[in-house]
N, C-alpha and C. Protein backbone atom coordinates (compact mmCIF):
# COMPACT_ATOMS: atom_id res chain seq x y z
N UNK A 1 51.16 16.67 3.02
CA UNK A 1 50.07 16.88 3.95
C UNK A 1 49.14 17.75 3.37
N UNK A 2 49.49 18.65 2.37
CA UNK A 2 48.38 19.49 1.77
C UNK A 2 47.31 18.61 1.05
N UNK A 3 47.62 17.47 0.19
CA UNK A 3 46.58 17.00 -0.28
C UNK A 3 45.37 16.28 0.63
N UNK A 4 45.91 15.72 1.94
CA UNK A 4 44.98 15.36 2.74
C UNK A 4 44.00 16.52 3.31
N UNK A 5 44.63 17.71 3.46
CA UNK A 5 43.74 18.84 4.02
C UNK A 5 42.55 19.18 2.82
N UNK A 6 43.13 19.16 1.53
CA UNK A 6 42.16 19.53 0.66
C UNK A 6 41.03 18.52 0.34
N UNK A 7 41.25 17.15 0.69
CA UNK A 7 40.28 16.19 0.58
C UNK A 7 39.41 16.21 1.58
N UNK A 8 39.78 16.68 2.83
CA UNK A 8 38.77 16.67 3.95
C UNK A 8 37.44 17.58 3.66
N UNK A 9 37.64 18.73 3.14
CA UNK A 9 36.37 19.36 2.80
C UNK A 9 35.55 18.64 1.84
N UNK A 10 36.14 18.07 1.00
CA UNK A 10 35.28 17.27 -0.05
C UNK A 10 34.35 16.09 0.70
N UNK A 11 35.22 15.53 1.63
CA UNK A 11 34.41 14.43 2.40
C UNK A 11 33.64 14.91 3.25
N UNK A 12 33.77 16.18 3.83
CA UNK A 12 32.75 16.84 4.71
C UNK A 12 31.48 17.01 3.93
N UNK A 13 31.66 17.74 2.83
CA UNK A 13 30.71 18.03 1.93
C UNK A 13 29.74 16.76 1.43
N UNK A 14 30.45 15.84 1.05
CA UNK A 14 29.96 14.48 0.81
C UNK A 14 29.04 14.01 1.96
N UNK A 15 29.67 13.93 2.96
CA UNK A 15 28.97 13.27 4.20
C UNK A 15 27.65 14.23 4.59
N UNK A 16 27.83 15.62 4.35
CA UNK A 16 26.67 16.53 4.82
C UNK A 16 25.49 16.36 3.85
N UNK A 17 25.94 16.23 2.42
CA UNK A 17 24.85 15.98 1.61
C UNK A 17 24.30 14.66 1.58
N UNK A 18 24.85 13.59 1.82
CA UNK A 18 24.43 12.32 2.10
C UNK A 18 23.77 12.13 3.42
N UNK A 19 23.86 12.84 4.43
CA UNK A 19 22.96 12.98 5.67
C UNK A 19 21.70 13.77 5.42
N UNK A 20 22.00 15.01 4.50
CA UNK A 20 20.75 15.61 4.16
C UNK A 20 19.81 14.89 3.49
N UNK A 21 20.38 14.07 2.41
CA UNK A 21 19.36 13.33 1.74
C UNK A 21 18.66 12.27 2.30
N UNK A 22 19.44 11.60 3.35
CA UNK A 22 18.83 10.57 4.23
C UNK A 22 17.80 11.19 5.08
N UNK A 23 18.10 12.44 5.72
CA UNK A 23 17.17 13.05 6.63
C UNK A 23 15.98 13.60 5.84
N UNK A 24 16.16 14.16 4.53
CA UNK A 24 15.22 14.62 3.73
C UNK A 24 14.08 13.54 3.44
N UNK A 25 14.58 12.25 3.03
CA UNK A 25 13.93 10.99 2.65
C UNK A 25 12.91 10.66 3.96
N UNK A 26 13.63 10.63 5.14
CA UNK A 26 12.97 10.36 6.29
C UNK A 26 11.84 11.31 6.71
N UNK A 27 11.95 12.38 6.42
CA UNK A 27 10.96 13.52 6.53
C UNK A 27 9.90 13.31 5.61
N UNK A 28 10.03 13.08 4.35
CA UNK A 28 9.17 12.85 3.33
C UNK A 28 8.27 11.70 3.65
N UNK A 29 8.91 10.69 4.19
CA UNK A 29 8.17 9.44 4.48
C UNK A 29 7.27 9.74 5.57
N UNK A 30 7.71 10.37 6.60
CA UNK A 30 6.70 10.75 7.83
C UNK A 30 5.70 11.76 7.10
N UNK A 31 6.05 12.71 6.08
CA UNK A 31 5.02 13.53 5.65
C UNK A 31 4.00 12.72 4.97
N UNK A 32 4.44 11.66 4.13
CA UNK A 32 3.50 10.96 3.42
C UNK A 32 2.52 10.18 4.30
N UNK A 33 3.08 9.74 5.42
CA UNK A 33 2.12 8.82 6.33
C UNK A 33 1.46 9.60 7.42
N UNK A 34 1.73 10.94 7.49
CA UNK A 34 1.17 11.69 8.68
C UNK A 34 -0.38 11.73 8.90
N UNK A 35 -1.00 11.48 7.93
CA UNK A 35 -2.62 11.42 7.97
C UNK A 35 -3.09 10.17 8.05
N UNK A 36 -2.27 9.08 7.89
CA UNK A 36 -2.70 7.70 7.96
C UNK A 36 -3.15 7.34 9.45
N UNK A 37 -4.33 6.47 9.48
CA UNK A 37 -4.60 6.08 10.78
C UNK A 37 -3.81 4.73 11.24
N UNK A 38 -2.91 4.33 10.35
CA UNK A 38 -2.02 3.40 10.73
C UNK A 38 -0.61 3.51 10.27
N UNK A 39 -0.09 4.58 10.98
CA UNK A 39 1.12 5.14 10.72
C UNK A 39 2.26 4.24 10.49
N UNK A 40 2.27 3.22 11.72
CA UNK A 40 3.30 2.28 11.85
C UNK A 40 3.39 1.46 10.45
N UNK A 41 2.32 0.84 10.01
CA UNK A 41 2.22 0.00 8.85
C UNK A 41 2.60 0.87 7.73
N UNK A 42 2.27 2.14 7.54
CA UNK A 42 2.49 2.94 6.43
C UNK A 42 3.97 3.20 6.29
N UNK A 43 4.45 3.54 7.34
CA UNK A 43 6.02 3.68 7.47
C UNK A 43 6.74 2.44 7.11
N UNK A 44 6.30 1.34 7.72
CA UNK A 44 7.04 -0.02 7.50
C UNK A 44 6.88 -0.36 5.97
N UNK A 45 5.68 -0.06 5.38
CA UNK A 45 5.37 -0.45 3.93
C UNK A 45 6.26 0.25 2.79
N UNK A 46 6.37 1.49 3.27
CA UNK A 46 7.34 2.38 2.47
C UNK A 46 8.75 2.01 2.48
N UNK A 47 9.12 1.75 3.95
CA UNK A 47 10.61 1.51 4.02
C UNK A 47 10.94 0.07 3.47
N UNK A 48 10.06 -0.80 3.44
CA UNK A 48 10.33 -2.23 2.83
C UNK A 48 10.57 -2.24 1.45
N UNK A 49 10.07 -1.14 0.60
CA UNK A 49 10.39 -1.28 -0.72
C UNK A 49 11.81 -0.60 -1.02
N UNK A 50 12.37 -1.42 -1.93
CA UNK A 50 13.70 -0.87 -2.19
C UNK A 50 13.95 0.41 -2.97
N UNK A 51 12.76 0.83 -3.42
CA UNK A 51 12.88 2.16 -4.44
C UNK A 51 12.47 3.36 -3.40
N UNK A 52 12.39 3.21 -2.20
CA UNK A 52 11.84 4.46 -1.35
C UNK A 52 13.03 5.57 -1.30
N UNK A 53 14.20 4.95 -1.15
CA UNK A 53 15.30 6.11 -0.98
C UNK A 53 15.44 6.94 -2.08
N UNK A 54 15.45 8.24 -1.91
CA UNK A 54 15.30 9.18 -2.80
C UNK A 54 14.18 9.58 -3.41
N UNK A 55 13.02 8.96 -3.05
CA UNK A 55 11.79 9.07 -3.79
C UNK A 55 11.15 10.44 -3.37
N UNK A 56 10.35 10.78 -4.51
CA UNK A 56 9.49 12.01 -4.13
C UNK A 56 8.10 11.43 -3.60
N UNK A 57 7.34 12.52 -3.04
CA UNK A 57 6.20 12.10 -2.45
C UNK A 57 5.34 11.34 -3.55
N UNK A 58 5.31 11.69 -4.63
CA UNK A 58 4.58 11.11 -5.66
C UNK A 58 5.03 9.52 -5.93
N UNK A 59 6.18 9.27 -5.87
CA UNK A 59 6.82 7.96 -5.93
C UNK A 59 6.54 7.20 -4.60
N UNK A 60 6.56 7.79 -3.60
CA UNK A 60 6.05 7.13 -2.31
C UNK A 60 4.68 6.69 -2.40
N UNK A 61 3.83 7.56 -3.00
CA UNK A 61 2.40 7.29 -3.20
C UNK A 61 2.28 5.99 -3.89
N UNK A 62 3.27 5.79 -4.88
CA UNK A 62 3.03 4.60 -5.80
C UNK A 62 3.53 3.24 -4.95
N UNK A 63 4.29 3.30 -3.99
CA UNK A 63 4.65 2.27 -3.31
C UNK A 63 3.64 1.52 -2.51
N UNK A 64 2.73 2.19 -1.95
CA UNK A 64 1.70 1.78 -0.98
C UNK A 64 0.65 0.95 -1.83
N UNK A 65 0.15 1.35 -3.01
CA UNK A 65 -0.66 0.60 -3.87
C UNK A 65 -0.09 -0.83 -4.23
N UNK A 66 1.38 -0.66 -4.52
CA UNK A 66 2.12 -1.97 -4.93
C UNK A 66 1.94 -2.94 -3.77
N UNK A 67 2.23 -2.46 -2.48
CA UNK A 67 2.25 -3.48 -1.42
C UNK A 67 0.79 -4.02 -1.27
N UNK A 68 -0.33 -3.10 -1.40
CA UNK A 68 -1.60 -3.55 -1.24
C UNK A 68 -1.92 -4.60 -2.38
N UNK A 69 -1.50 -4.32 -3.71
CA UNK A 69 -1.79 -5.24 -4.77
C UNK A 69 -1.11 -6.82 -4.38
N UNK A 70 0.07 -6.54 -3.87
CA UNK A 70 0.82 -7.88 -3.43
C UNK A 70 0.18 -8.56 -2.41
N UNK A 71 -0.53 -7.98 -1.49
CA UNK A 71 -1.18 -8.54 -0.57
C UNK A 71 -2.58 -9.08 -1.09
N UNK A 72 -3.05 -8.41 -1.84
CA UNK A 72 -4.36 -8.87 -2.47
C UNK A 72 -4.27 -10.12 -3.28
N UNK A 73 -3.14 -10.22 -3.95
CA UNK A 73 -2.62 -11.33 -4.81
C UNK A 73 -2.47 -12.47 -3.87
N UNK A 74 -1.69 -12.26 -2.94
CA UNK A 74 -1.54 -13.45 -1.98
C UNK A 74 -2.88 -13.93 -1.29
N UNK A 75 -3.88 -13.12 -0.92
CA UNK A 75 -5.28 -13.36 -0.63
C UNK A 75 -5.93 -14.11 -1.70
N UNK A 76 -5.86 -13.79 -3.00
CA UNK A 76 -6.26 -14.58 -3.97
C UNK A 76 -5.87 -15.99 -4.04
N UNK A 77 -4.61 -16.30 -3.85
CA UNK A 77 -4.05 -17.57 -3.82
C UNK A 77 -4.60 -18.47 -2.59
N UNK A 78 -4.63 -17.62 -1.45
CA UNK A 78 -5.17 -18.28 -0.23
C UNK A 78 -6.60 -18.77 -0.60
N UNK A 79 -7.42 -17.82 -1.19
CA UNK A 79 -8.87 -18.21 -1.63
C UNK A 79 -8.90 -19.46 -2.41
N UNK A 80 -7.93 -19.67 -3.37
CA UNK A 80 -7.96 -20.65 -4.20
C UNK A 80 -7.62 -22.00 -3.43
N UNK A 81 -6.75 -21.98 -2.49
CA UNK A 81 -6.45 -23.11 -1.54
C UNK A 81 -7.56 -23.47 -0.77
N UNK A 82 -8.19 -22.50 -0.13
CA UNK A 82 -9.32 -22.62 0.80
C UNK A 82 -10.53 -23.40 0.04
N UNK A 83 -10.63 -22.76 -1.23
CA UNK A 83 -11.78 -23.46 -2.05
C UNK A 83 -11.48 -24.81 -2.29
N UNK A 84 -10.29 -25.19 -2.56
CA UNK A 84 -9.83 -26.73 -2.58
C UNK A 84 -10.12 -27.47 -1.39
N UNK A 85 -9.75 -26.79 -0.21
CA UNK A 85 -9.81 -27.60 0.94
C UNK A 85 -11.29 -27.75 1.48
N UNK A 86 -12.07 -26.65 1.29
CA UNK A 86 -13.44 -26.65 1.81
C UNK A 86 -14.55 -26.71 0.71
N UNK A 87 -14.27 -27.42 -0.27
CA UNK A 87 -15.20 -27.82 -1.38
C UNK A 87 -16.37 -28.68 -0.75
N UNK A 88 -17.61 -28.30 -1.08
CA UNK A 88 -18.54 -29.13 -0.42
C UNK A 88 -19.12 -28.70 0.88
N UNK A 89 -18.42 -27.67 1.40
CA UNK A 89 -18.88 -27.16 2.87
C UNK A 89 -19.79 -25.93 2.66
N UNK A 90 -20.24 -25.52 3.83
CA UNK A 90 -21.27 -24.31 3.75
C UNK A 90 -20.42 -23.16 3.55
N UNK A 91 -19.19 -23.19 3.51
CA UNK A 91 -18.50 -21.86 3.18
C UNK A 91 -18.07 -21.72 1.78
N UNK A 92 -18.20 -22.67 0.97
CA UNK A 92 -17.76 -22.83 -0.42
C UNK A 92 -18.22 -21.65 -1.15
N UNK A 93 -19.50 -21.36 -1.12
CA UNK A 93 -20.12 -20.27 -1.93
C UNK A 93 -19.60 -18.77 -1.42
N UNK A 94 -19.33 -18.79 -0.29
CA UNK A 94 -18.91 -17.51 0.24
C UNK A 94 -17.21 -17.44 -0.23
N UNK A 95 -16.57 -18.56 -0.28
CA UNK A 95 -15.22 -18.36 -0.64
C UNK A 95 -15.09 -18.17 -2.17
N UNK A 96 -16.01 -18.83 -2.97
CA UNK A 96 -16.09 -18.42 -4.42
C UNK A 96 -16.59 -16.82 -4.55
N UNK A 97 -17.41 -16.32 -3.81
CA UNK A 97 -17.64 -15.01 -3.93
C UNK A 97 -16.40 -14.13 -3.66
N UNK A 98 -15.61 -14.55 -2.68
CA UNK A 98 -14.52 -13.80 -2.04
C UNK A 98 -13.31 -13.86 -3.25
N UNK A 99 -13.30 -15.03 -3.83
CA UNK A 99 -12.35 -15.20 -4.89
C UNK A 99 -12.43 -14.10 -6.10
N UNK A 100 -13.81 -14.13 -6.43
CA UNK A 100 -14.31 -13.09 -7.28
C UNK A 100 -14.11 -11.63 -6.86
N UNK A 101 -14.30 -11.48 -5.63
CA UNK A 101 -14.22 -9.99 -5.07
C UNK A 101 -12.75 -9.67 -5.02
N UNK A 102 -11.67 -10.50 -4.74
CA UNK A 102 -10.39 -10.26 -4.74
C UNK A 102 -9.84 -10.14 -6.28
N UNK A 103 -10.39 -10.98 -7.09
CA UNK A 103 -10.10 -10.68 -8.37
C UNK A 103 -10.48 -9.29 -8.80
N UNK A 104 -11.55 -8.71 -8.47
CA UNK A 104 -11.89 -7.40 -8.68
C UNK A 104 -11.06 -6.40 -8.08
N UNK A 105 -10.69 -6.72 -6.78
CA UNK A 105 -10.01 -5.78 -6.04
C UNK A 105 -8.62 -5.63 -6.57
N UNK A 106 -7.86 -6.85 -6.99
CA UNK A 106 -6.56 -6.67 -7.79
C UNK A 106 -6.73 -5.79 -9.08
N UNK A 107 -7.79 -6.09 -9.80
CA UNK A 107 -8.03 -5.33 -10.98
C UNK A 107 -8.12 -3.81 -10.73
N UNK A 108 -8.91 -3.47 -9.60
CA UNK A 108 -9.07 -2.15 -9.37
C UNK A 108 -7.80 -1.54 -8.83
N UNK A 109 -7.05 -2.22 -8.11
CA UNK A 109 -5.72 -1.66 -7.64
C UNK A 109 -4.83 -1.37 -8.80
N UNK A 110 -4.92 -2.30 -9.76
CA UNK A 110 -3.92 -1.95 -10.94
C UNK A 110 -4.38 -0.87 -11.60
N UNK A 111 -5.81 -0.51 -11.64
CA UNK A 111 -6.37 0.62 -12.33
C UNK A 111 -5.93 1.84 -11.55
N UNK A 112 -5.89 1.72 -10.10
CA UNK A 112 -5.52 2.95 -9.31
C UNK A 112 -4.13 3.29 -9.54
N UNK A 113 -3.03 2.24 -9.74
CA UNK A 113 -1.63 2.42 -9.95
C UNK A 113 -1.64 3.37 -11.27
N UNK A 114 -2.41 2.94 -12.31
CA UNK A 114 -2.26 3.57 -13.52
C UNK A 114 -2.83 5.11 -13.34
N UNK A 115 -3.84 5.19 -12.69
CA UNK A 115 -4.44 6.48 -12.45
C UNK A 115 -3.51 7.48 -11.79
N UNK A 116 -2.72 6.92 -10.76
CA UNK A 116 -1.82 7.47 -9.86
C UNK A 116 -0.63 7.90 -10.85
N UNK A 117 0.03 7.16 -11.75
CA UNK A 117 0.81 7.53 -12.69
C UNK A 117 0.59 8.87 -13.40
N UNK A 118 -0.81 8.86 -13.76
CA UNK A 118 -1.26 10.11 -14.65
C UNK A 118 -1.75 11.12 -13.42
N UNK A 119 -1.44 11.22 -12.27
CA UNK A 119 -1.92 12.16 -11.31
C UNK A 119 -3.53 12.47 -11.45
N UNK A 120 -4.16 11.32 -11.53
CA UNK A 120 -5.57 11.26 -11.47
C UNK A 120 -5.91 10.62 -10.17
N UNK A 121 -5.85 11.56 -9.21
CA UNK A 121 -6.10 11.22 -7.84
C UNK A 121 -7.39 11.02 -7.53
N UNK A 122 -8.40 11.62 -7.83
CA UNK A 122 -9.87 11.27 -7.67
C UNK A 122 -10.12 9.86 -8.10
N UNK A 123 -9.45 9.42 -9.36
CA UNK A 123 -9.64 8.07 -9.76
C UNK A 123 -9.12 7.03 -8.92
N UNK A 124 -7.90 7.43 -8.42
CA UNK A 124 -7.33 6.47 -7.47
C UNK A 124 -8.34 6.21 -6.34
N UNK A 125 -8.77 7.30 -5.67
CA UNK A 125 -9.71 7.24 -4.61
C UNK A 125 -10.92 6.22 -4.88
N UNK A 126 -11.46 6.50 -6.27
CA UNK A 126 -12.63 5.77 -6.51
C UNK A 126 -12.28 4.29 -6.60
N UNK A 127 -11.10 3.94 -7.31
CA UNK A 127 -10.80 2.53 -7.54
C UNK A 127 -10.43 1.88 -6.22
N UNK A 128 -9.62 2.65 -5.26
CA UNK A 128 -9.32 2.09 -4.01
C UNK A 128 -10.47 1.77 -3.09
N UNK A 129 -11.45 2.68 -3.05
CA UNK A 129 -12.58 2.64 -2.35
C UNK A 129 -13.31 1.41 -2.74
N UNK A 130 -13.50 1.15 -4.09
CA UNK A 130 -14.14 0.11 -4.71
C UNK A 130 -13.56 -1.37 -4.29
N UNK A 131 -12.15 -1.34 -4.23
CA UNK A 131 -11.58 -2.53 -3.76
C UNK A 131 -11.69 -2.72 -2.31
N UNK A 132 -11.78 -1.73 -1.71
CA UNK A 132 -12.07 -1.77 -0.17
C UNK A 132 -13.46 -2.62 0.09
N UNK A 133 -14.41 -2.06 -0.57
CA UNK A 133 -15.73 -2.61 -0.63
C UNK A 133 -15.85 -4.04 -0.99
N UNK A 134 -15.12 -4.31 -1.92
CA UNK A 134 -14.74 -5.86 -2.36
C UNK A 134 -14.42 -6.78 -1.18
N UNK A 135 -13.36 -6.26 -0.58
CA UNK A 135 -12.70 -6.94 0.68
C UNK A 135 -13.79 -6.99 1.82
N UNK A 136 -14.53 -5.99 2.00
CA UNK A 136 -15.45 -5.97 3.01
C UNK A 136 -16.75 -6.88 2.86
N UNK A 137 -17.06 -6.86 1.43
CA UNK A 137 -18.09 -7.91 1.16
C UNK A 137 -17.75 -9.19 1.19
N UNK A 138 -16.39 -9.61 1.00
CA UNK A 138 -15.90 -10.81 1.15
C UNK A 138 -16.06 -11.39 2.63
N UNK A 139 -15.49 -10.42 3.51
CA UNK A 139 -15.44 -10.74 4.86
C UNK A 139 -16.82 -10.88 5.52
N UNK A 140 -17.76 -10.04 5.09
CA UNK A 140 -19.16 -10.13 5.49
C UNK A 140 -19.68 -11.55 5.12
N UNK A 141 -19.50 -11.76 3.79
CA UNK A 141 -19.95 -13.12 3.34
C UNK A 141 -19.60 -14.38 4.06
N UNK A 142 -18.04 -14.23 4.44
CA UNK A 142 -17.55 -15.31 5.22
C UNK A 142 -18.24 -15.45 6.66
N UNK A 143 -18.33 -14.41 7.44
CA UNK A 143 -18.93 -14.28 8.58
C UNK A 143 -20.36 -14.87 8.76
N UNK A 144 -21.13 -14.52 7.62
CA UNK A 144 -22.46 -15.03 7.50
C UNK A 144 -22.40 -16.62 7.43
N UNK A 145 -21.55 -17.08 6.55
CA UNK A 145 -21.60 -18.54 6.15
C UNK A 145 -20.80 -19.41 7.21
N UNK A 146 -19.84 -18.82 7.81
CA UNK A 146 -18.97 -19.79 8.63
C UNK A 146 -19.72 -19.79 10.04
N UNK A 147 -19.43 -20.96 10.80
CA UNK A 147 -19.86 -21.16 11.96
C UNK A 147 -18.94 -20.31 12.99
N UNK A 148 -17.82 -20.10 12.63
CA UNK A 148 -16.83 -19.49 13.44
C UNK A 148 -16.22 -18.26 12.67
N UNK A 149 -15.14 -17.69 13.24
CA UNK A 149 -14.58 -16.57 12.47
C UNK A 149 -14.22 -16.93 11.06
N UNK A 150 -14.10 -15.90 10.31
CA UNK A 150 -13.53 -15.99 8.97
C UNK A 150 -12.21 -16.39 8.90
N UNK A 151 -11.89 -17.45 7.92
CA UNK A 151 -10.49 -18.14 7.96
C UNK A 151 -9.44 -17.12 7.34
N UNK A 152 -9.96 -15.96 6.99
CA UNK A 152 -8.77 -15.02 6.62
C UNK A 152 -9.05 -13.55 7.27
N UNK A 153 -9.78 -13.57 8.41
CA UNK A 153 -10.10 -12.38 9.10
C UNK A 153 -8.78 -11.43 9.32
N UNK A 154 -7.97 -12.05 9.89
CA UNK A 154 -6.64 -11.25 10.20
C UNK A 154 -5.93 -10.60 8.90
N UNK A 155 -5.93 -11.46 7.80
CA UNK A 155 -5.37 -10.98 6.73
C UNK A 155 -6.14 -9.82 5.93
N UNK A 156 -7.48 -9.99 6.10
CA UNK A 156 -8.34 -8.93 5.49
C UNK A 156 -8.39 -7.66 6.38
N UNK A 157 -8.13 -7.94 7.60
CA UNK A 157 -7.86 -6.77 8.72
C UNK A 157 -6.76 -5.77 8.07
N UNK A 158 -5.52 -6.69 7.98
CA UNK A 158 -4.22 -5.93 7.45
C UNK A 158 -4.49 -5.29 6.05
N UNK A 159 -5.01 -6.06 5.15
CA UNK A 159 -5.63 -5.56 3.71
C UNK A 159 -6.21 -4.17 3.99
N UNK A 160 -7.32 -4.12 4.89
CA UNK A 160 -7.97 -2.93 4.97
C UNK A 160 -7.16 -1.72 5.59
N UNK A 161 -6.17 -2.11 6.46
CA UNK A 161 -5.29 -1.03 6.86
C UNK A 161 -4.35 -0.67 5.61
N UNK A 162 -3.91 -1.50 4.84
CA UNK A 162 -3.23 -1.13 3.55
C UNK A 162 -3.85 -0.10 2.84
N UNK A 163 -5.21 -0.45 2.55
CA UNK A 163 -6.05 0.41 1.75
C UNK A 163 -6.10 1.76 2.39
N UNK A 164 -6.51 1.77 3.65
CA UNK A 164 -6.47 2.98 4.38
C UNK A 164 -5.35 3.78 4.01
N UNK A 165 -4.05 3.31 4.09
CA UNK A 165 -2.77 3.89 3.87
C UNK A 165 -2.79 4.30 2.46
N UNK A 166 -3.22 3.57 1.53
CA UNK A 166 -3.14 4.03 0.02
C UNK A 166 -3.98 5.29 0.01
N UNK A 167 -5.11 5.40 0.67
CA UNK A 167 -5.91 6.67 0.46
C UNK A 167 -5.21 7.76 1.14
N UNK A 168 -4.63 7.62 2.41
CA UNK A 168 -3.90 8.68 2.92
C UNK A 168 -2.78 9.33 2.46
N UNK A 169 -1.86 8.31 1.78
CA UNK A 169 -0.74 8.75 1.01
C UNK A 169 -1.05 9.45 -0.27
N UNK A 170 -2.06 8.82 -1.02
CA UNK A 170 -2.64 9.33 -2.18
C UNK A 170 -3.18 10.90 -2.05
N UNK A 171 -4.10 11.10 -0.89
CA UNK A 171 -4.49 12.27 -0.65
C UNK A 171 -3.46 13.21 -0.46
N UNK A 172 -2.47 12.90 0.43
CA UNK A 172 -1.31 13.67 0.67
C UNK A 172 -0.60 14.11 -0.65
N UNK A 173 -0.30 13.17 -1.47
CA UNK A 173 0.29 13.47 -2.75
C UNK A 173 -0.62 14.50 -3.48
N UNK A 174 -1.80 14.24 -3.54
CA UNK A 174 -2.84 15.12 -4.31
C UNK A 174 -2.80 16.52 -3.66
N UNK A 175 -2.65 16.62 -2.39
CA UNK A 175 -2.60 17.91 -1.66
C UNK A 175 -1.46 18.70 -2.27
N UNK A 176 -0.35 17.87 -2.08
CA UNK A 176 1.00 18.58 -2.41
C UNK A 176 1.03 18.94 -3.83
N UNK A 177 0.35 18.18 -4.86
CA UNK A 177 0.53 18.40 -6.24
C UNK A 177 -0.44 19.60 -6.65
N UNK A 178 -1.42 19.83 -5.80
CA UNK A 178 -2.39 21.03 -5.96
C UNK A 178 -1.67 22.26 -5.52
N UNK A 179 -0.96 22.04 -4.52
CA UNK A 179 -0.15 23.25 -4.05
C UNK A 179 0.91 23.86 -4.96
N UNK A 180 1.55 22.85 -5.63
CA UNK A 180 2.76 23.10 -6.38
C UNK A 180 2.24 23.46 -7.87
N UNK A 181 0.96 23.46 -8.23
CA UNK A 181 0.50 23.82 -9.50
C UNK A 181 0.33 25.22 -9.63
């Protein structure tokens, strides 16, 4: 019986540390997303990434641009498909512009991820804001050319929310980095 009683404290310590780690990660995710205008999407984006468990705030800040880049890449592919489907229509030129804008947005997001790795938070904000402007220009162009709503309006709306989350989480990471210096 003695071996069982000596194992029990070890199990309790393990369970305590595991629960502490899980609770700490949850708290950090909430902290990362607390200033976001789209908290639900921010939390879901981070939790959807397999690397979020045990991540530090700076690591969590890298997850959100990764999701935005993935979204932008999907929109690029959709633009290519729409260009094929709507060749020769009044929206074709706007779709071509959108394709270029999303090419730029993906490039800017890649640059923002590199800047984030080097803790250049102001550069991240610059690149992400530029990418947001590209997405907005695309949507405006489509609205002007199309007789009805943009064919990608809902997706660009979500894209904008992801960008907003990138800025919120990056600013939170920057604020924490400044305090720890």
